[in-house]
């Protein structure tokens, strides 16, 4: 397929079950010579045992090139989130000063 300069758009479809996503509060990243693997799990941190129970909810294998692009995209989104959170958590400055009215 020749590159004719057109901008291509990806049109992704998904089922409602996949669209709902899964919850993960733990991730493990590993790699081989050819790919990176990110394993997402839901872990129960409130257990007092030495062994913390968890269940894998998803495992994703990525090429090294795509992994770098994913990191860049995540850093960009995290930066935007931090900026929005910073704006929301600015301290209140109190009541704005009012102009004094002449008597």
PDB file of N, CA and C in Angstrom:
ATOM      1  N   UNK A   1       0.844  -1.161   0.000  1.00  0.00           N
ATOM      2  CA  UNK A   1       0.000   0.000   0.000  1.00  0.00           C
ATOM      3  C   UNK A   1       0.896   1.232   0.000  1.00  0.00           C
ATOM      4  N   UNK A   2       0.748   2.062  -0.974  1.00  0.00           N
ATOM      5  CA  UNK A   2       1.586   3.249  -1.122  1.00  0.00           C
ATOM      6  C   UNK A   2       1.102   4.367  -0.208  1.00  0.00           C
ATOM      7  N   UNK A   3       2.040   5.182   0.254  1.00  0.00           N
ATOM      8  CA  UNK A   3       1.700   6.333   1.080  1.00  0.00           C
ATOM      9  C   UNK A   3       1.372   7.483   0.149  1.00  0.00           C
ATOM     10  N   UNK A   4       0.087   7.814   0.035  1.00  0.00           N
ATOM     11  CA  UNK A   4      -0.313   8.870  -0.885  1.00  0.00           C
ATOM     12  C   UNK A   4      -0.542  10.201  -0.174  1.00  0.00           C
ATOM     13  N   UNK A   5      -0.097  10.331   1.065  1.00  0.00           N
ATOM     14  CA  UNK A   5      -0.185  11.598   1.781  1.00  0.00           C
ATOM     15  C   UNK A   5      -1.509  11.827   2.495  1.00  0.00           C
ATOM     16  N   UNK A   6      -2.467  10.940   2.312  1.00  0.00           N
ATOM     17  CA  UNK A   6      -3.750  11.103   2.992  1.00  0.00           C
ATOM     18  C   UNK A   6      -3.598  10.780   4.475  1.00  0.00           C
ATOM     19  N   UNK A   7      -4.339  11.518   5.289  1.00  0.00           N
ATOM     20  CA  UNK A   7      -4.362  11.189   6.714  1.00  0.00           C
ATOM     21  C   UNK A   7      -5.406  10.103   6.921  1.00  0.00           C
ATOM     22  N   UNK A   8      -4.973   8.990   7.476  1.00  0.00           N
ATOM     23  CA  UNK A   8      -5.883   7.868   7.701  1.00  0.00           C
ATOM     24  C   UNK A   8      -6.453   7.955   9.106  1.00  0.00           C
ATOM     25  N   UNK A   9      -7.696   7.549   9.250  1.00  0.00           N
ATOM     26  CA  UNK A   9      -8.340   7.528  10.553  1.00  0.00           C
ATOM     27  C   UNK A   9      -8.669   6.087  10.904  1.00  0.00           C
ATOM     28  N   UNK A  10      -8.404   5.731  12.136  1.00  0.00           N
ATOM     29  CA  UNK A  10      -8.693   4.379  12.600  1.00  0.00           C
ATOM     30  C   UNK A  10     -10.115   4.361  13.145  1.00  0.00           C
ATOM     31  N   UNK A  11     -10.898   3.395  12.695  1.00  0.00           N
ATOM     32  CA  UNK A  11     -12.287   3.257  13.110  1.00  0.00           C
ATOM     33  C   UNK A  11     -12.408   1.961  13.906  1.00  0.00           C
ATOM     34  N   UNK A  12     -12.437   2.073  15.231  1.00  0.00           N
ATOM     35  CA  UNK A  12     -12.422   0.900  16.103  1.00  0.00           C
ATOM     36  C   UNK A  12     -13.825   0.642  16.642  1.00  0.00           C
ATOM     37  N   UNK A  13     -14.247  -0.609  16.567  1.00  0.00           N
ATOM     38  CA  UNK A  13     -15.538  -1.031  17.107  1.00  0.00           C
ATOM     39  C   UNK A  13     -15.284  -1.958  18.284  1.00  0.00           C
ATOM     40  N   UNK A  14     -16.185  -1.934  19.252  1.00  0.00           N
ATOM     41  CA  UNK A  14     -16.042  -2.811  20.408  1.00  0.00           C
ATOM     42  C   UNK A  14     -17.415  -3.194  20.949  1.00  0.00           C
ATOM     43  N   UNK A  15     -17.451  -4.289  21.650  1.00  0.00           N
ATOM     44  CA  UNK A  15     -18.702  -4.730  22.268  1.00  0.00           C
ATOM     45  C   UNK A  15     -18.925  -3.932  23.558  1.00  0.00           C
ATOM     46  N   UNK A  16     -20.169  -3.855  24.033  1.00  0.00           N
ATOM     47  CA  UNK A  16     -20.429  -3.144  25.294  1.00  0.00           C
ATOM     48  C   UNK A  16     -19.644  -3.735  26.468  1.00  0.00           C
ATOM     49  N   UNK A  17     -19.435  -5.045  26.468  1.00  0.00           N
ATOM     50  CA  UNK A  17     -18.687  -5.677  27.560  1.00  0.00           C
ATOM     51  C   UNK A  17     -17.237  -5.196  27.579  1.00  0.00           C
ATOM     52  N   UNK A  18     -16.629  -5.119  26.418  1.00  0.00           N
ATOM     53  CA  UNK A  18     -15.242  -4.651  26.335  1.00  0.00           C
ATOM     54  C   UNK A  18     -15.186  -3.154  26.623  1.00  0.00           C
ATOM     55  N   UNK A  19     -16.184  -2.409  26.155  1.00  0.00           N
ATOM     56  CA  UNK A  19     -16.230  -0.963  26.372  1.00  0.00           C
ATOM     57  C   UNK A  19     -16.278  -0.636  27.867  1.00  0.00           C
ATOM     58  N   UNK A  20     -16.895  -1.496  28.656  1.00  0.00           N
ATOM     59  CA  UNK A  20     -17.000  -1.259  30.101  1.00  0.00           C
ATOM     60  C   UNK A  20     -15.632  -1.278  30.769  1.00  0.00           C
ATOM     61  N   UNK A  21     -14.684  -2.002  30.204  1.00  0.00           N
ATOM     62  CA  UNK A  21     -13.340  -2.062  30.766  1.00  0.00           C
ATOM     63  C   UNK A  21     -13.261  -2.954  31.992  1.00  0.00           C
ATOM     64  N   UNK A  22     -12.078  -3.007  32.570  1.00  0.00           N
ATOM     65  CA  UNK A  22     -11.837  -3.777  33.782  1.00  0.00           C
ATOM     66  C   UNK A  22     -11.077  -2.881  34.753  1.00  0.00           C
ATOM     67  N   UNK A  23     -11.193  -3.165  36.036  1.00  0.00           N
ATOM     68  CA  UNK A  23     -10.496  -2.392  37.054  1.00  0.00           C
ATOM     69  C   UNK A  23      -9.198  -3.100  37.428  1.00  0.00           C
ATOM     70  N   UNK A  24      -8.120  -2.340  37.490  1.00  0.00           N
ATOM     71  CA  UNK A  24      -6.834  -2.880  37.928  1.00  0.00           C
ATOM     72  C   UNK A  24      -6.197  -1.884  38.892  1.00  0.00           C
ATOM     73  N   UNK A  25      -5.596  -2.401  39.956  1.00  0.00           N
ATOM     74  CA  UNK A  25      -4.860  -1.545  40.886  1.00  0.00           C
ATOM     75  C   UNK A  25      -3.416  -2.032  41.060  1.00  0.00           C
ATOM     76  N   UNK A  26      -2.986  -2.865  40.113  1.00  0.00           N
ATOM     77  CA  UNK A  26      -1.622  -3.389  40.123  1.00  0.00           C
ATOM     78  C   UNK A  26      -1.237  -3.716  38.684  1.00  0.00           C
ATOM     79  N   UNK A  27       0.005  -3.450  38.336  1.00  0.00           N
ATOM     80  CA  UNK A  27       0.498  -3.819  37.008  1.00  0.00           C
ATOM     81  C   UNK A  27       1.926  -4.328  37.134  1.00  0.00           C
ATOM     82  N   UNK A  28       2.256  -5.286  36.311  1.00  0.00           N
ATOM     83  CA  UNK A  28       3.613  -5.810  36.234  1.00  0.00           C
ATOM     84  C   UNK A  28       4.061  -5.688  34.781  1.00  0.00           C
ATOM     85  N   UNK A  29       5.240  -5.146  34.577  1.00  0.00           N
ATOM     86  CA  UNK A  29       5.774  -4.979  33.223  1.00  0.00           C
ATOM     87  C   UNK A  29       6.996  -5.869  33.078  1.00  0.00           C
ATOM     88  N   UNK A  30       7.027  -6.646  32.007  1.00  0.00           N
ATOM     89  CA  UNK A  30       8.185  -7.492  31.710  1.00  0.00           C
ATOM     90  C   UNK A  30       8.504  -7.352  30.225  1.00  0.00           C
ATOM     91  N   UNK A  31       9.664  -7.875  29.826  1.00  0.00           N
ATOM     92  CA  UNK A  31      10.036  -7.769  28.412  1.00  0.00           C
ATOM     93  C   UNK A  31      10.855  -8.977  27.978  1.00  0.00           C
ATOM     94  N   UNK A  32      10.845  -9.172  26.670  1.00  0.00           N
ATOM     95  CA  UNK A  32      11.719 -10.161  26.039  1.00  0.00           C
ATOM     96  C   UNK A  32      12.525  -9.402  24.993  1.00  0.00           C
ATOM     97  N   UNK A  33      13.258 -10.121  24.171  1.00  0.00           N
ATOM     98  CA  UNK A  33      14.019  -9.459  23.110  1.00  0.00           C
ATOM     99  C   UNK A  33      13.110  -8.781  22.089  1.00  0.00           C
ATOM    100  N   UNK A  34      11.849  -9.205  22.009  1.00  0.00           N
ATOM    101  CA  UNK A  34      10.972  -8.755  20.934  1.00  0.00           C
ATOM    102  C   UNK A  34       9.779  -7.931  21.375  1.00  0.00           C
ATOM    103  N   UNK A  35       9.386  -8.030  22.650  1.00  0.00           N
ATOM    104  CA  UNK A  35       8.146  -7.370  23.048  1.00  0.00           C
ATOM    105  C   UNK A  35       8.144  -7.047  24.538  1.00  0.00           C
ATOM    106  N   UNK A  36       7.197  -6.201  24.901  1.00  0.00           N
ATOM    107  CA  UNK A  36       6.921  -5.892  26.301  1.00  0.00           C
ATOM    108  C   UNK A  36       5.572  -6.502  26.644  1.00  0.00           C
ATOM    109  N   UNK A  37       5.441  -6.943  27.880  1.00  0.00           N
ATOM    110  CA  UNK A  37       4.173  -7.487  28.350  1.00  0.00           C
ATOM    111  C   UNK A  37       3.764  -6.725  29.599  1.00  0.00           C
ATOM    112  N   UNK A  38       2.528  -6.228  29.583  1.00  0.00           N
ATOM    113  CA  UNK A  38       1.974  -5.549  30.748  1.00  0.00           C
ATOM    114  C   UNK A  38       0.834  -6.420  31.263  1.00  0.00           C
ATOM    115  N   UNK A  39       0.964  -6.860  32.504  1.00  0.00           N
ATOM    116  CA  UNK A  39      -0.064  -7.680  33.139  1.00  0.00           C
ATOM    117  C   UNK A  39      -0.770  -6.821  34.178  1.00  0.00           C
ATOM    118  N   UNK A  40      -2.079  -6.681  34.018  1.00  0.00           N
ATOM    119  CA  UNK A  40      -2.894  -5.897  34.942  1.00  0.00           C
ATOM    120  C   UNK A  40      -3.637  -6.847  35.868  1.00  0.00           C
ATOM    121  N   UNK A  41      -3.708  -6.480  37.146  1.00  0.00           N
ATOM    122  CA  UNK A  41      -4.395  -7.330  38.124  1.00  0.00           C
ATOM    123  C   UNK A  41      -5.192  -6.474  39.099  1.00  0.00           C
ATOM    124  N   UNK A  42      -6.148  -7.112  39.700  1.00  0.00           N
ATOM    125  CA  UNK A  42      -6.907  -6.507  40.795  1.00  0.00           C
ATOM    126  C   UNK A  42      -6.427  -7.217  42.058  1.00  0.00           C
ATOM    127  N   UNK A  43      -5.859  -6.443  42.973  1.00  0.00           N
ATOM    128  CA  UNK A  43      -5.237  -7.000  44.174  1.00  0.00           C
ATOM    129  C   UNK A  43      -5.981  -6.490  45.406  1.00  0.00           C
ATOM    130  N   UNK A  44      -6.190  -7.371  46.366  1.00  0.00           N
ATOM    131  CA  UNK A  44      -6.845  -7.004  47.623  1.00  0.00           C
ATOM    132  C   UNK A  44      -5.772  -6.622  48.633  1.00  0.00           C
ATOM    133  N   UNK A  45      -5.479  -5.327  48.727  1.00  0.00           N
ATOM    134  CA  UNK A  45      -4.415  -4.837  49.612  1.00  0.00           C
ATOM    135  C   UNK A  45      -4.811  -4.849  51.083  1.00  0.00           C
ATOM    136  N   UNK A  46      -6.086  -5.049  51.380  1.00  0.00           N
ATOM    137  CA  UNK A  46      -6.550  -4.977  52.769  1.00  0.00           C
ATOM    138  C   UNK A  46      -6.345  -6.276  53.538  1.00  0.00           C
ATOM    139  N   UNK A  47      -5.825  -7.292  52.884  1.00  0.00           N
ATOM    140  CA  UNK A  47      -5.578  -8.576  53.541  1.00  0.00           C
ATOM    141  C   UNK A  47      -4.289  -8.480  54.349  1.00  0.00           C
ATOM    142  N   UNK A  48      -4.310  -9.014  55.560  1.00  0.00           N
ATOM    143  CA  UNK A  48      -3.140  -8.950  56.438  1.00  0.00           C
ATOM    144  C   UNK A  48      -2.182 -10.124  56.267  1.00  0.00           C
ATOM    145  N   UNK A  49      -2.481 -11.042  55.357  1.00  0.00           N
ATOM    146  CA  UNK A  49      -1.610 -12.200  55.136  1.00  0.00           C
ATOM    147  C   UNK A  49      -0.301 -11.772  54.482  1.00  0.00           C
ATOM    148  N   UNK A  50       0.710 -12.639  54.574  1.00  0.00           N
ATOM    149  CA  UNK A  50       1.978 -12.382  53.893  1.00  0.00           C
ATOM    150  C   UNK A  50       1.805 -12.442  52.380  1.00  0.00           C
ATOM    151  N   UNK A  51       0.866 -13.250  51.930  1.00  0.00           N
ATOM    152  CA  UNK A  51       0.610 -13.392  50.499  1.00  0.00           C
ATOM    153  C   UNK A  51      -0.673 -12.639  50.157  1.00  0.00           C
ATOM    154  N   UNK A  52      -0.554 -11.624  49.314  1.00  0.00           N
ATOM    155  CA  UNK A  52      -1.697 -10.787  48.948  1.00  0.00           C
ATOM    156  C   UNK A  52      -2.411 -11.410  47.752  1.00  0.00           C
ATOM    157  N   UNK A  53      -3.720 -11.682  47.881  1.00  0.00           N
ATOM    158  CA  UNK A  53      -4.439 -12.305  46.770  1.00  0.00           C
ATOM    159  C   UNK A  53      -4.736 -11.298  45.657  1.00  0.00           C
ATOM    160  N   UNK A  54      -4.707 -11.790  44.442  1.00  0.00           N
ATOM    161  CA  UNK A  54      -5.030 -10.951  43.300  1.00  0.00           C
ATOM    162  C   UNK A  54      -5.454 -11.804  42.127  1.00  0.00           C
ATOM    163  N   UNK A  55      -6.089 -11.169  41.158  1.00  0.00           N
ATOM    164  CA  UNK A  55      -6.527 -11.872  39.957  1.00  0.00           C
ATOM    165  C   UNK A  55      -6.132 -11.039  38.738  1.00  0.00           C
ATOM    166  N   UNK A  56      -5.549 -11.703  37.750  1.00  0.00           N
ATOM    167  CA  UNK A  56      -5.178 -11.020  36.507  1.00  0.00           C
ATOM    168  C   UNK A  56      -6.459 -10.678  35.757  1.00  0.00           C
ATOM    169  N   UNK A  57      -6.590  -9.409  35.384  1.00  0.00           N
ATOM    170  CA  UNK A  57      -7.770  -8.981  34.638  1.00  0.00           C
ATOM    171  C   UNK A  57      -7.471  -8.755  33.164  1.00  0.00           C
ATOM    172  N   UNK A  58      -6.186  -8.570  32.827  1.00  0.00           N
ATOM    173  CA  UNK A  58      -5.816  -8.395  31.422  1.00  0.00           C
ATOM    174  C   UNK A  58      -4.305  -8.517  31.278  1.00  0.00           C
ATOM    175  N   UNK A  59      -3.887  -9.009  30.144  1.00  0.00           N
ATOM    176  CA  UNK A  59      -2.459  -9.076  29.820  1.00  0.00           C
ATOM    177  C   UNK A  59      -2.317  -8.586  28.383  1.00  0.00           C
ATOM    178  N   UNK A  60      -1.403  -7.637  28.180  1.00  0.00           N
ATOM    179  CA  UNK A  60      -1.231  -7.030  26.861  1.00  0.00           C
ATOM    180  C   UNK A  60       0.226  -7.161  26.441  1.00  0.00           C
ATOM    181  N   UNK A  61       0.453  -7.693  25.240  1.00  0.00           N
ATOM    182  CA  UNK A  61       1.797  -7.785  24.658  1.00  0.00           C
ATOM    183  C   UNK A  61       1.936  -6.677  23.624  1.00  0.00           C
ATOM    184  N   UNK A  62       3.058  -5.942  23.685  1.00  0.00           N
ATOM    185  CA  UNK A  62       3.257  -4.800  22.795  1.00  0.00           C
ATOM    186  C   UNK A  62       4.640  -4.851  22.164  1.00  0.00           C
ATOM    187  N   UNK A  63       4.724  -4.392  20.925  1.00  0.00           N
ATOM    188  CA  UNK A  63       6.037  -4.251  20.296  1.00  0.00           C
ATOM    189  C   UNK A  63       6.782  -3.125  21.008  1.00  0.00           C
ATOM    190  N   UNK A  64       8.100  -3.123  20.907  1.00  0.00           N
ATOM    191  CA  UNK A  64       8.905  -2.091  21.565  1.00  0.00           C
ATOM    192  C   UNK A  64       8.537  -0.697  21.053  1.00  0.00           C
ATOM    193  N   UNK A  65       8.306  -0.565  19.756  1.00  0.00           N
ATOM    194  CA  UNK A  65       7.949   0.739  19.172  1.00  0.00           C
ATOM    195  C   UNK A  65       6.614   1.224  19.724  1.00  0.00           C
ATOM    196  N   UNK A  66       5.625   0.337  19.747  1.00  0.00           N
ATOM    197  CA  UNK A  66       4.316   0.736  20.254  1.00  0.00           C
ATOM    198  C   UNK A  66       4.375   1.019  21.753  1.00  0.00           C
ATOM    199  N   UNK A  67       5.185   0.269  22.490  1.00  0.00           N
ATOM    200  CA  UNK A  67       5.332   0.486  23.928  1.00  0.00           C
ATOM    201  C   UNK A  67       5.828   1.906  24.194  1.00  0.00           C
ATOM    202  N   UNK A  68       6.828   2.361  23.417  1.00  0.00           N
ATOM    203  CA  UNK A  68       7.352   3.727  23.572  1.00  0.00           C
ATOM    204  C   UNK A  68       6.265   4.757  23.263  1.00  0.00           C
ATOM    205  N   UNK A  69       5.487   4.518  22.209  1.00  0.00           N
ATOM    206  CA  UNK A  69       4.402   5.434  21.849  1.00  0.00           C
ATOM    207  C   UNK A  69       3.344   5.471  22.949  1.00  0.00           C
ATOM    208  N   UNK A  70       3.069   4.333  23.553  1.00  0.00           N
ATOM    209  CA  UNK A  70       2.102   4.265  24.646  1.00  0.00           C
ATOM    210  C   UNK A  70       2.604   5.047  25.857  1.00  0.00           C
ATOM    211  N   UNK A  71       3.871   4.894  26.187  1.00  0.00           N
ATOM    212  CA  UNK A  71       4.454   5.650  27.305  1.00  0.00           C
ATOM    213  C   UNK A  71       4.333   7.145  27.043  1.00  0.00           C
ATOM    214  N   UNK A  72       4.661   7.582  25.826  1.00  0.00           N
ATOM    215  CA  UNK A  72       4.558   9.003  25.480  1.00  0.00           C
ATOM    216  C   UNK A  72       3.123   9.502  25.631  1.00  0.00           C
ATOM    217  N   UNK A  73       2.158   8.725  25.139  1.00  0.00           N
ATOM    218  CA  UNK A  73       0.750   9.115  25.235  1.00  0.00           C
ATOM    219  C   UNK A  73       0.298   9.166  26.693  1.00  0.00           C
ATOM    220  N   UNK A  74       0.747   8.208  27.494  1.00  0.00           N
ATOM    221  CA  UNK A  74       0.370   8.193  28.909  1.00  0.00           C
ATOM    222  C   UNK A  74       0.990   9.376  29.653  1.00  0.00           C
ATOM    223  N   UNK A  75       2.240   9.705  29.348  1.00  0.00           N
ATOM    224  CA  UNK A  75       2.883  10.859  29.981  1.00  0.00           C
ATOM    225  C   UNK A  75       2.154  12.145  29.615  1.00  0.00           C
ATOM    226  N   UNK A  76       1.729  12.264  28.356  1.00  0.00           N
ATOM    227  CA  UNK A  76       0.991  13.438  27.900  1.00  0.00           C
ATOM    228  C   UNK A  76      -0.338  13.559  28.653  1.00  0.00           C
ATOM    229  N   UNK A  77      -1.081  12.474  28.728  1.00  0.00           N
ATOM    230  CA  UNK A  77      -2.371  12.507  29.420  1.00  0.00           C
ATOM    231  C   UNK A  77      -2.201  12.739  30.917  1.00  0.00           C
ATOM    232  N   UNK A  78      -1.164  12.160  31.516  1.00  0.00           N
ATOM    233  CA  UNK A  78      -0.917  12.363  32.944  1.00  0.00           C
ATOM    234  C   UNK A  78      -0.591  13.829  33.214  1.00  0.00           C
ATOM    235  N   UNK A  79       0.185  14.430  32.333  1.00  0.00           N
ATOM    236  CA  UNK A  79       0.535  15.838  32.460  1.00  0.00           C
ATOM    237  C   UNK A  79      -0.720  16.711  32.413  1.00  0.00           C
ATOM    238  N   UNK A  80      -1.603  16.409  31.473  1.00  0.00           N
ATOM    239  CA  UNK A  80      -2.856  17.170  31.344  1.00  0.00           C
ATOM    240  C   UNK A  80      -3.729  16.971  32.579  1.00  0.00           C
ATOM    241  N   UNK A  81      -3.780  15.747  33.090  1.00  0.00           N
ATOM    242  CA  UNK A  81      -4.574  15.464  34.286  1.00  0.00           C
ATOM    243  C   UNK A  81      -4.021  16.229  35.481  1.00  0.00           C
ATOM    244  N   UNK A  82      -2.671  16.203  35.641  1.00  0.00           N
ATOM    245  CA  UNK A  82      -2.031  16.911  36.758  1.00  0.00           C
ATOM    246  C   UNK A  82      -2.321  18.404  36.692  1.00  0.00           C
ATOM    247  N   UNK A  83      -2.270  18.966  35.485  1.00  0.00           N
ATOM    248  CA  UNK A  83      -2.552  20.394  35.329  1.00  0.00           C
ATOM    249  C   UNK A  83      -3.994  20.693  35.731  1.00  0.00           C
ATOM    250  N   UNK A  84      -4.933  19.856  35.304  1.00  0.00           N
ATOM    251  CA  UNK A  84      -6.344  20.058  35.656  1.00  0.00           C
ATOM    252  C   UNK A  84      -6.548  19.893  37.156  1.00  0.00           C
ATOM    253  N   UNK A  85      -5.915  18.897  37.763  1.00  0.00           N
ATOM    254  CA  UNK A  85      -6.028  18.690  39.207  1.00  0.00           C
ATOM    255  C   UNK A  85      -5.415  19.858  39.964  1.00  0.00           C
ATOM    256  N   UNK A  86      -4.303  20.379  39.459  1.00  0.00           N
ATOM    257  CA  UNK A  86      -3.653  21.515  40.104  1.00  0.00           C
ATOM    258  C   UNK A  86      -4.540  22.743  40.106  1.00  0.00           C
ATOM    259  N   UNK A  87      -5.250  22.956  39.012  1.00  0.00           N
ATOM    260  CA  UNK A  87      -6.166  24.092  38.928  1.00  0.00           C
ATOM    261  C   UNK A  87      -7.319  23.896  39.907  1.00  0.00           C
ATOM    262  N   UNK A  88      -7.854  22.677  39.975  1.00  0.00           N
ATOM    263  CA  UNK A  88      -8.979  22.397  40.880  1.00  0.00           C
ATOM    264  C   UNK A  88      -8.583  22.508  42.342  1.00  0.00           C
ATOM    265  N   UNK A  89      -7.335  22.220  42.659  1.00  0.00           N
ATOM    266  CA  UNK A  89      -6.944  22.209  44.070  1.00  0.00           C
ATOM    267  C   UNK A  89      -6.210  23.480  44.504  1.00  0.00           C
ATOM    268  N   UNK A  90      -6.287  24.528  43.699  1.00  0.00           N
ATOM    269  CA  UNK A  90      -5.689  25.791  44.125  1.00  0.00           C
ATOM    270  C   UNK A  90      -6.413  26.288  45.374  1.00  0.00           C
ATOM    271  N   UNK A  91      -5.699  26.890  46.301  1.00  0.00           N
ATOM    272  CA  UNK A  91      -6.366  27.374  47.512  1.00  0.00           C
ATOM    273  C   UNK A  91      -7.311  28.523  47.183  1.00  0.00           C
ATOM    274  N   UNK A  92      -8.360  28.597  47.966  1.00  0.00           N
ATOM    275  CA  UNK A  92      -9.302  29.706  47.812  1.00  0.00           C
ATOM    276  C   UNK A  92      -8.575  30.991  48.198  1.00  0.00           C
ATOM    277  N   UNK A  93      -8.831  32.053  47.487  1.00  0.00           N
ATOM    278  CA  UNK A  93      -8.180  33.326  47.798  1.00  0.00           C
ATOM    279  C   UNK A  93      -9.086  34.226  48.617  1.00  0.00           C
ATOM    280  N   UNK A  94     -10.239  33.731  48.986  1.00  0.00           N
ATOM    281  CA  UNK A  94     -11.162  34.548  49.767  1.00  0.00           C
ATOM    282  C   UNK A  94     -12.048  35.372  48.854  1.00  0.00           C
ATOM    283  N   UNK A  95     -12.737  36.309  49.440  1.00  0.00           N
ATOM    284  CA  UNK A  95     -13.642  37.161  48.680  1.00  0.00           C
ATOM    285  C   UNK A  95     -12.831  38.191  47.919  1.00  0.00           C
ATOM    286  N   UNK A  96     -13.140  38.366  46.639  1.00  0.00           N
ATOM    287  CA  UNK A  96     -12.387  39.373  45.893  1.00  0.00           C
ATOM    288  C   UNK A  96     -12.654  40.766  46.466  1.00  0.00           C
ATOM    289  N   UNK A  97     -11.657  41.629  46.414  1.00  0.00           N
ATOM    290  CA  UNK A  97     -11.853  42.976  46.965  1.00  0.00           C
ATOM    291  C   UNK A  97     -12.935  43.715  46.182  1.00  0.00           C
ATOM    292  N   UNK A  98     -13.703  44.514  46.906  1.00  0.00           N
ATOM    293  CA  UNK A  98     -14.743  45.316  46.249  1.00  0.00           C
ATOM    294  C   UNK A  98     -14.281  46.757  46.205  1.00  0.00           C
ATOM    295  N   UNK A  99     -14.788  47.459  45.229  1.00  0.00           N
ATOM    296  CA  UNK A  99     -14.445  48.877  45.121  1.00  0.00           C
ATOM    297  C   UNK A  99     -15.265  49.651  46.140  1.00  0.00           C
ATOM    298  N   UNK A 100     -14.606  50.557  46.815  1.00  0.00           N
ATOM    299  CA  UNK A 100     -15.322  51.372  47.803  1.00  0.00           C
ATOM    300  C   UNK A 100     -16.180  52.383  47.076  1.00  0.00           C
ATOM    301  N   UNK A 101     -17.404  52.530  47.556  1.00  0.00           N
ATOM    302  CA  UNK A 101     -18.337  53.494  46.982  1.00  0.00           C
ATOM    303  C   UNK A 101     -18.185  54.826  47.719  1.00  0.00           C
ATOM    304  N   UNK A 102     -18.134  55.943  46.984  1.00  0.00           N
ATOM    305  CA  UNK A 102     -18.047  57.248  47.668  1.00  0.00           C
ATOM    306  C   UNK A 102     -19.333  57.516  48.452  1.00  0.00           C
ATOM    307  N   UNK A 103     -19.214  58.195  49.585  1.00  0.00           N
ATOM    308  CA  UNK A 103     -20.380  58.481  50.421  1.00  0.00           C
ATOM    309  C   UNK A 103     -21.071  59.721  49.997  1.00  0.00           C
TER     310      UNK A 103
END
